[in-house]
Amino acid sequence: MFTCLIRYTVDLNKIKEFEVYARTWITLVEKYGGIHHGYFLPGKDANDFPIDASFSFPDRGKSGPNNTAVALFSFPSLESYETYKKEVVKDEKCKKITTYFNDTKCFLHYERSFLKPIFSEK
């Protein structure tokens, strides 16, 4: 199993549009064999979340940008991920959400990382 982390820089004036985009991709990932762990969006105003991110390690931690959103989803194998990539581009919902993004530009850019999950030992 591996997990894909996508970090987006979002347009804060287009959060509702980004939510539409995100919800569609959740269903697409799940339809084609992935496990979607959700999208995580910035708060709507400064009072939604704590401000200071350095409480655990004051000499190491710092607050990140307020326009970052992330998505996390997993696939059981590289083969299943490659199948997803091949099949999802043919899906009408994928084509529509790509057009929707091109029309709304609800995020400015993204970075993709692949990670190995570590779970608690039971």
Protein backbone atom coordinates (compact mmCIF):
# COMPACT_ATOMS: atom_id res chain seq x y z
CA MET A 1 0.00 0.00 0.00
CA PHE A 2 1.08 3.56 -0.63
CA THR A 3 -0.57 6.93 -0.09
CA CYS A 4 -0.61 9.89 -2.40
CA LEU A 5 -0.40 13.32 -0.78
CA ILE A 6 -1.41 16.23 -2.96
CA ARG A 7 -0.71 19.69 -1.57
CA TYR A 8 -2.65 22.46 -3.32
CA THR A 9 -2.23 26.19 -3.24
CA VAL A 10 -5.85 27.28 -3.44
CA ASP A 11 -7.50 30.53 -4.42
CA LEU A 12 -9.17 31.54 -1.15
CA ASN A 13 -11.89 33.33 -3.13
CA LYS A 14 -12.80 30.02 -4.79
CA ILE A 15 -13.04 27.62 -1.84
CA LYS A 16 -16.60 26.58 -2.76
CA GLU A 17 -15.44 25.77 -6.30
CA PHE A 18 -12.52 23.80 -4.89
CA GLU A 19 -14.94 21.83 -2.68
CA VAL A 20 -16.91 20.80 -5.79
CA TYR A 21 -13.66 19.73 -7.44
CA ALA A 22 -12.56 17.80 -4.34
CA ARG A 23 -15.83 15.92 -3.82
CA THR A 24 -15.79 14.77 -7.42
CA TRP A 25 -12.24 13.42 -7.15
CA ILE A 26 -13.11 11.55 -3.95
CA THR A 27 -15.77 9.60 -5.85
CA LEU A 28 -13.46 9.01 -8.82
CA VAL A 29 -10.60 7.64 -6.70
CA GLU A 30 -13.00 5.33 -4.87
CA LYS A 31 -14.71 4.21 -8.08
CA TYR A 32 -11.38 3.07 -9.51
CA GLY A 33 -10.05 1.13 -6.53
CA GLY A 34 -8.49 3.72 -4.24
CA ILE A 35 -9.23 4.59 -0.64
CA HIS A 36 -9.76 8.33 -0.28
CA HIS A 37 -8.91 9.75 3.13
CA GLY A 38 -10.39 13.16 2.33
CA TYR A 39 -9.45 16.68 1.43
CA PHE A 40 -8.40 19.10 4.12
CA LEU A 41 -9.08 22.76 3.46
CA PRO A 42 -7.96 26.01 5.06
CA GLY A 43 -10.30 27.62 7.58
CA LYS A 44 -12.70 30.29 6.39
CA ASP A 45 -11.37 32.91 8.77
CA ALA A 46 -8.50 33.34 11.19
CA ASN A 47 -10.65 32.26 14.17
CA ASP A 48 -11.29 28.75 12.81
CA PHE A 49 -7.98 27.26 13.96
CA PRO A 50 -5.15 27.88 16.41
CA ILE A 51 -2.57 30.40 15.20
CA ASP A 52 0.64 29.14 16.83
CA ALA A 53 1.95 25.90 15.29
CA SER A 54 5.18 25.77 17.28
CA PHE A 55 3.87 24.50 20.64
CA SER A 56 5.62 21.09 20.53
CA PHE A 57 9.03 22.20 19.33
CA PRO A 58 9.27 26.00 19.56
CA ASP A 59 12.68 26.07 17.88
CA ARG A 60 11.48 23.90 14.96
CA GLY A 61 7.78 24.56 14.29
CA LYS A 62 6.27 27.42 12.36
CA SER A 63 2.90 28.28 10.91
CA GLY A 64 2.34 27.30 7.31
CA PRO A 65 0.57 29.29 4.63
CA ASN A 66 -3.18 29.86 5.04
CA ASN A 67 -3.97 28.93 1.43
CA THR A 68 -2.90 25.28 1.49
CA ALA A 69 -5.26 22.34 1.03
CA VAL A 70 -4.27 18.68 1.00
CA ALA A 71 -5.74 15.44 -0.29
CA LEU A 72 -4.74 11.96 0.83
CA PHE A 73 -5.65 8.74 -0.92
CA SER A 74 -4.19 5.26 -1.00
CA PHE A 75 -3.93 2.36 -3.41
CA PRO A 76 -3.11 -1.21 -2.42
CA SER A 77 -0.43 -1.57 -5.11
CA LEU A 78 1.36 0.20 -7.93
CA GLU A 79 -0.56 -1.98 -10.38
CA SER A 80 -3.92 -0.83 -9.02
CA TYR A 81 -2.76 2.82 -9.20
CA GLU A 82 -1.65 2.39 -12.82
CA THR A 83 -5.05 0.86 -13.66
CA TYR A 84 -6.78 3.82 -11.97
CA LYS A 85 -4.73 6.29 -14.03
CA LYS A 86 -5.55 4.47 -17.25
CA GLU A 87 -9.29 4.14 -16.55
CA VAL A 88 -10.13 7.44 -14.84
CA VAL A 89 -9.19 9.59 -17.84
CA LYS A 90 -11.91 7.82 -19.87
CA ASP A 91 -14.58 8.56 -17.24
CA GLU A 92 -17.13 11.25 -18.18
CA LYS A 93 -17.08 12.61 -14.62
CA CYS A 94 -13.30 13.05 -14.89
CA LYS A 95 -13.68 14.89 -18.19
CA LYS A 96 -16.34 17.18 -16.71
CA ILE A 97 -14.35 18.01 -13.57
CA THR A 98 -11.28 18.76 -15.69
CA THR A 99 -13.36 21.22 -17.72
CA TYR A 100 -14.73 22.62 -14.45
CA PHE A 101 -11.20 23.21 -13.17
CA ASN A 102 -10.20 24.86 -16.45
CA ASP A 103 -13.20 27.19 -16.12
CA THR A 104 -12.81 28.00 -12.40
CA LYS A 105 -9.04 27.80 -11.78
CA CYS A 106 -9.92 26.95 -8.15
CA PHE A 107 -6.31 26.13 -7.31
CA LEU A 108 -3.11 27.81 -8.41
CA HIS A 109 -0.79 24.79 -8.39
CA TYR A 110 -0.15 21.47 -6.67
CA GLU A 111 2.62 19.13 -5.54
CA ARG A 112 2.27 15.36 -5.44
CA SER A 113 4.20 13.04 -3.12
CA PHE A 114 3.92 9.28 -2.63
CA LEU A 115 4.29 8.03 0.92
CA LYS A 116 4.47 4.75 2.80
CA PRO A 117 1.92 4.75 5.64
CA ILE A 118 2.88 3.63 9.13
CA PHE A 119 0.10 2.41 11.38
CA SER A 120 0.06 1.64 15.08
CA GLU A 121 1.17 -1.83 16.11
CA LYS A 122 -1.66 -3.80 17.66
